[in-house]
Amino acid sequence: MNKLFGGPVLPTLLKLAVASVIIGILLAFFGIRPVDLWSDFLDTVARIWHMGFDAIDWSVRYFLLGAVVVVPIWLFVRLWTFLVEKK
């Protein structure tokens, strides 16, 4: 159990309690509430999630746009090479 807590259990819990009270006082001084922290955290996760899908949408759009040009040229070159090698 000491390895899990990084030392004796009771002093570690006491240190965590004191640190939590100090941080709580500082956050209250700045007008930050626990609900605001969770809300901001979840909003950040949602934004990152949407940014990821926006990046996928962006890359698929440009992939398809480029493929409209590249694939026919590639197909033409392959067919031309095949026909030239047959002769």
Foldseek 3Di string as FASTA:
>chain_A
DCVVQVHDDPVSVVVVVVVVVVVVVVCVVVVHDPVNVVVVVVVVVVVVVVVVVVVVVVVVVVVVVVCVPPVVVVVVVVVVVVVVVVD
